[in-house]
Amino acid sequence: MCYWYYQSCGGAGNTLAVCLMGLNSKSEQIKAVCRAGVGPACFGINEPVTFGLPVMYNPIMAIPYILIVPVCILLGYGATAAGLIATPFIYATGLMPIGVVSFMRSLDIRNAIFDWLLVIPCGLIYYPFFKAYEKQLVEKEQALATAN
């Protein structure tokens, strides 16, 4: 019923929140990756961030990447069961902007709004891990700048 919410906010790891946080990062590496990744993340493509930060080989960022999937599924299921959003009845897929495909599946604007609202809990889950990783990268960048 609500399986599609696992990737409604920027791909499989819901990385749109990371991209938005990274645009204001103190780390140049994070800032560059997130500038390149925010556009694709709006269309459900998260590979620039997944492999650019990297999320896949980084235990700090892998924890929220994995944790967010069941959280978004449960939130989507709860919202559908409570009647806050409509149950989808049309099979639609594709790389469309956040909210558009949910609207097309249910023909209900509440589903599109819910997709954008999911960015908030995703950001709250990612935030402490993002800050820890950002701190590591800033220290590394400063050490490199001092060495040169």
C-alpha atoms as a PDB file:
ATOM      1  CA  MET A   1       0.000   0.000   0.000  1.00  0.00           C
ATOM      2  CA  CYS A   2       2.657   2.591   0.960  1.00  0.00           C
ATOM      3  CA  TYR A   3       5.817   1.009  -0.375  1.00  0.00           C
ATOM      4  CA  TRP A   4       6.571   3.974  -2.659  1.00  0.00           C
ATOM      5  CA  TYR A   5       7.414   6.271   0.260  1.00  0.00           C
ATOM      6  CA  TYR A   6      10.765   4.617   0.714  1.00  0.00           C
ATOM      7  CA  GLN A   7      12.102   6.766  -2.120  1.00  0.00           C
ATOM      8  CA  SER A   8       9.744   9.706  -2.331  1.00  0.00           C
ATOM      9  CA  CYS A   9      12.261  12.327  -1.132  1.00  0.00           C
ATOM     10  CA  GLY A  10      15.251  11.995  -3.374  1.00  0.00           C
ATOM     11  CA  GLY A  11      15.868   8.390  -4.283  1.00  0.00           C
ATOM     12  CA  ALA A  12      16.282   5.199  -2.302  1.00  0.00           C
ATOM     13  CA  GLY A  13      17.902   6.854   0.715  1.00  0.00           C
ATOM     14  CA  ASN A  14      15.722   9.963   0.628  1.00  0.00           C
ATOM     15  CA  THR A  15      18.820  12.100   0.163  1.00  0.00           C
ATOM     16  CA  LEU A  16      17.083  15.352  -0.758  1.00  0.00           C
ATOM     17  CA  ALA A  17      17.360  16.469   2.862  1.00  0.00           C
ATOM     18  CA  VAL A  18      21.129  15.852   2.766  1.00  0.00           C
ATOM     19  CA  CYS A  19      21.401  17.846  -0.458  1.00  0.00           C
ATOM     20  CA  LEU A  20      19.534  20.774   1.045  1.00  0.00           C
ATOM     21  CA  MET A  21      21.672  20.701   4.209  1.00  0.00           C
ATOM     22  CA  GLY A  22      24.824  20.354   2.148  1.00  0.00           C
ATOM     23  CA  LEU A  23      24.199  23.514   0.145  1.00  0.00           C
ATOM     24  CA  ASN A  24      25.036  25.464   3.295  1.00  0.00           C
ATOM     25  CA  SER A  25      27.888  23.216   4.466  1.00  0.00           C
ATOM     26  CA  LYS A  26      31.232  24.403   5.791  1.00  0.00           C
ATOM     27  CA  SER A  27      32.947  21.622   3.840  1.00  0.00           C
ATOM     28  CA  GLU A  28      33.800  22.376   0.232  1.00  0.00           C
ATOM     29  CA  GLN A  29      33.509  18.700  -0.735  1.00  0.00           C
ATOM     30  CA  ILE A  30      30.000  18.379   0.672  1.00  0.00           C
ATOM     31  CA  LYS A  31      28.961  21.685  -0.860  1.00  0.00           C
ATOM     32  CA  ALA A  32      30.191  20.654  -4.329  1.00  0.00           C
ATOM     33  CA  VAL A  33      28.534  17.224  -4.195  1.00  0.00           C
ATOM     34  CA  CYS A  34      25.244  18.649  -2.951  1.00  0.00           C
ATOM     35  CA  ARG A  35      25.168  21.361  -5.610  1.00  0.00           C
ATOM     36  CA  ALA A  36      25.495  18.616  -8.214  1.00  0.00           C
ATOM     37  CA  GLY A  37      23.006  16.341  -6.447  1.00  0.00           C
ATOM     38  CA  VAL A  38      20.094  18.601  -5.487  1.00  0.00           C
ATOM     39  CA  GLY A  39      18.593  18.732  -8.976  1.00  0.00           C
ATOM     40  CA  PRO A  40      18.656  14.984  -9.581  1.00  0.00           C
ATOM     41  CA  ALA A  41      17.416  14.356  -6.005  1.00  0.00           C
ATOM     42  CA  CYS A  42      14.244  16.306  -6.831  1.00  0.00           C
ATOM     43  CA  PHE A  43      13.618  13.686  -9.523  1.00  0.00           C
ATOM     44  CA  GLY A  44      14.383  10.678  -7.305  1.00  0.00           C
ATOM     45  CA  ILE A  45      17.970  10.190  -8.472  1.00  0.00           C
ATOM     46  CA  ASN A  46      20.317   9.991  -5.522  1.00  0.00           C
ATOM     47  CA  GLU A  47      23.491   8.521  -7.030  1.00  0.00           C
ATOM     48  CA  PRO A  48      25.441  11.825  -7.058  1.00  0.00           C
ATOM     49  CA  VAL A  49      25.068  12.058  -3.282  1.00  0.00           C
ATOM     50  CA  THR A  50      25.235   8.328  -2.546  1.00  0.00           C
ATOM     51  CA  PHE A  51      28.567   7.926  -4.289  1.00  0.00           C
ATOM     52  CA  GLY A  52      29.812  11.510  -4.036  1.00  0.00           C
ATOM     53  CA  LEU A  53      29.840  11.962  -0.267  1.00  0.00           C
ATOM     54  CA  PRO A  54      30.116   8.789  -0.219  1.00  0.00           C
ATOM     55  CA  VAL A  55      27.166   7.440   1.699  1.00  0.00           C
ATOM     56  CA  MET A  56      27.738   3.815   0.734  1.00  0.00           C
ATOM     57  CA  TYR A  57      31.266   3.521   2.148  1.00  0.00           C
ATOM     58  CA  ASN A  58      30.807   5.836   5.092  1.00  0.00           C
ATOM     59  CA  PRO A  59      29.480   4.273   8.307  1.00  0.00           C
ATOM     60  CA  ILE A  60      28.417   7.668   9.660  1.00  0.00           C
ATOM     61  CA  MET A  61      26.130   8.430   6.715  1.00  0.00           C
ATOM     62  CA  ALA A  62      25.089   4.812   6.070  1.00  0.00           C
ATOM     63  CA  ILE A  63      23.191   4.578   9.378  1.00  0.00           C
ATOM     64  CA  PRO A  64      20.544   7.224   8.530  1.00  0.00           C
ATOM     65  CA  TYR A  65      20.516   6.101   4.884  1.00  0.00           C
ATOM     66  CA  ILE A  66      19.291   2.696   6.046  1.00  0.00           C
ATOM     67  CA  LEU A  67      17.146   3.984   8.943  1.00  0.00           C
ATOM     68  CA  ILE A  68      15.123   6.423   6.830  1.00  0.00           C
ATOM     69  CA  VAL A  69      13.580   3.749   4.612  1.00  0.00           C
ATOM     70  CA  PRO A  70      11.422   2.078   7.300  1.00  0.00           C
ATOM     71  CA  VAL A  71      10.625   5.447   8.895  1.00  0.00           C
ATOM     72  CA  CYS A  72       9.207   6.825   5.636  1.00  0.00           C
ATOM     73  CA  ILE A  73       7.306   3.612   4.946  1.00  0.00           C
ATOM     74  CA  LEU A  74       5.739   3.701   8.412  1.00  0.00           C
ATOM     75  CA  LEU A  75       4.863   7.386   8.082  1.00  0.00           C
ATOM     76  CA  GLY A  76       3.288   6.743   4.677  1.00  0.00           C
ATOM     77  CA  TYR A  77       1.358   3.752   5.971  1.00  0.00           C
ATOM     78  CA  GLY A  78       0.191   5.668   9.048  1.00  0.00           C
ATOM     79  CA  ALA A  79      -0.934   8.654   6.999  1.00  0.00           C
ATOM     80  CA  THR A  80      -2.829   6.413   4.588  1.00  0.00           C
ATOM     81  CA  ALA A  81      -4.444   4.388   7.383  1.00  0.00           C
ATOM     82  CA  ALA A  82      -5.479   7.580   9.190  1.00  0.00           C
ATOM     83  CA  GLY A  83      -7.018   8.971   6.013  1.00  0.00           C
ATOM     84  CA  LEU A  84      -4.620  11.918   5.817  1.00  0.00           C
ATOM     85  CA  ILE A  85      -3.585  10.923   2.311  1.00  0.00           C
ATOM     86  CA  ALA A  86      -5.404   8.949  -0.358  1.00  0.00           C
ATOM     87  CA  THR A  87      -4.698   5.341  -1.235  1.00  0.00           C
ATOM     88  CA  PRO A  88      -3.124   5.136  -4.688  1.00  0.00           C
ATOM     89  CA  PHE A  89      -5.104   3.322  -7.328  1.00  0.00           C
ATOM     90  CA  ILE A  90      -3.100   4.073 -10.482  1.00  0.00           C
ATOM     91  CA  TYR A  91       0.251   2.490 -11.276  1.00  0.00           C
ATOM     92  CA  ALA A  92       2.591   5.298 -12.250  1.00  0.00           C
ATOM     93  CA  THR A  93       6.348   5.202 -12.271  1.00  0.00           C
ATOM     94  CA  GLY A  94       9.158   7.242 -13.654  1.00  0.00           C
ATOM     95  CA  LEU A  95      11.604   9.919 -12.729  1.00  0.00           C
ATOM     96  CA  MET A  96       9.253  12.777 -12.037  1.00  0.00           C
ATOM     97  CA  PRO A  97       9.655  15.605  -9.532  1.00  0.00           C
ATOM     98  CA  ILE A  98       8.786  14.949  -5.916  1.00  0.00           C
ATOM     99  CA  GLY A  99       5.036  15.022  -5.426  1.00  0.00           C
ATOM    100  CA  VAL A 100       4.089  14.675  -9.076  1.00  0.00           C
ATOM    101  CA  VAL A 101       4.155  10.884  -9.195  1.00  0.00           C
ATOM    102  CA  SER A 102       2.276  10.644  -5.873  1.00  0.00           C
ATOM    103  CA  PHE A 103      -0.380  12.958  -7.253  1.00  0.00           C
ATOM    104  CA  MET A 104      -0.618  10.875 -10.421  1.00  0.00           C
ATOM    105  CA  ARG A 105      -1.012   7.648  -8.418  1.00  0.00           C
ATOM    106  CA  SER A 106      -3.865   8.949  -6.289  1.00  0.00           C
ATOM    107  CA  LEU A 107      -5.154  12.071  -8.062  1.00  0.00           C
ATOM    108  CA  ASP A 108      -5.058  13.766  -4.650  1.00  0.00           C
ATOM    109  CA  ILE A 109      -2.987  16.866  -3.913  1.00  0.00           C
ATOM    110  CA  ARG A 110      -2.543  15.763  -0.287  1.00  0.00           C
ATOM    111  CA  ASN A 111      -0.238  12.979  -1.461  1.00  0.00           C
ATOM    112  CA  ALA A 112       1.969  15.473  -3.282  1.00  0.00           C
ATOM    113  CA  ILE A 113       2.156  17.683  -0.211  1.00  0.00           C
ATOM    114  CA  PHE A 114       2.924  14.669   1.975  1.00  0.00           C
ATOM    115  CA  ASP A 115       5.950  13.840  -0.198  1.00  0.00           C
ATOM    116  CA  TRP A 116       7.388  17.282   0.505  1.00  0.00           C
ATOM    117  CA  LEU A 117       6.549  17.025   4.202  1.00  0.00           C
ATOM    118  CA  LEU A 118       8.557  13.793   4.412  1.00  0.00           C
ATOM    119  CA  VAL A 119      11.705  15.835   3.785  1.00  0.00           C
ATOM    120  CA  ILE A 120      11.376  17.172   7.359  1.00  0.00           C
ATOM    121  CA  PRO A 121      11.676  13.863   9.255  1.00  0.00           C
ATOM    122  CA  CYS A 122      14.367  12.766   6.802  1.00  0.00           C
ATOM    123  CA  GLY A 123      16.323  15.917   7.579  1.00  0.00           C
ATOM    124  CA  LEU A 124      15.869  15.410  11.315  1.00  0.00           C
ATOM    125  CA  ILE A 125      17.228  11.878  11.063  1.00  0.00           C
ATOM    126  CA  TYR A 126      20.154  12.849   8.821  1.00  0.00           C
ATOM    127  CA  TYR A 127      21.128  16.031  10.706  1.00  0.00           C
ATOM    128  CA  PRO A 128      23.289  14.675  13.586  1.00  0.00           C
ATOM    129  CA  PHE A 129      25.066  12.240  11.263  1.00  0.00           C
ATOM    130  CA  PHE A 130      25.555  14.925   8.629  1.00  0.00           C
ATOM    131  CA  LYS A 131      27.072  17.304  11.189  1.00  0.00           C
ATOM    132  CA  ALA A 132      29.478  14.617  12.466  1.00  0.00           C
ATOM    133  CA  TYR A 133      30.605  13.838   8.922  1.00  0.00           C
ATOM    134  CA  GLU A 134      30.864  17.521   8.059  1.00  0.00           C
ATOM    135  CA  LYS A 135      33.094  18.082  11.097  1.00  0.00           C
ATOM    136  CA  GLN A 136      35.412  15.285   9.943  1.00  0.00           C
ATOM    137  CA  LEU A 137      35.678  16.714   6.444  1.00  0.00           C
ATOM    138  CA  VAL A 138      36.250  20.279   7.628  1.00  0.00           C
ATOM    139  CA  GLU A 139      39.122  19.100   9.855  1.00  0.00           C
ATOM    140  CA  LYS A 140      40.580  17.107   6.954  1.00  0.00           C
ATOM    141  CA  GLU A 141      40.261  20.076   4.564  1.00  0.00           C
ATOM    142  CA  GLN A 142      41.900  22.413   7.092  1.00  0.00           C
ATOM    143  CA  ALA A 143      44.759  19.971   7.621  1.00  0.00           C
ATOM    144  CA  LEU A 144      45.265  19.741   3.856  1.00  0.00           C
ATOM    145  CA  ALA A 145      45.207  23.513   3.499  1.00  0.00           C
ATOM    146  CA  THR A 146      47.757  23.895   6.327  1.00  0.00           C
ATOM    147  CA  ALA A 147      50.037  21.214   4.809  1.00  0.00           C
ATOM    148  CA  ASN A 148      50.071  22.981   1.437  1.00  0.00           C
END
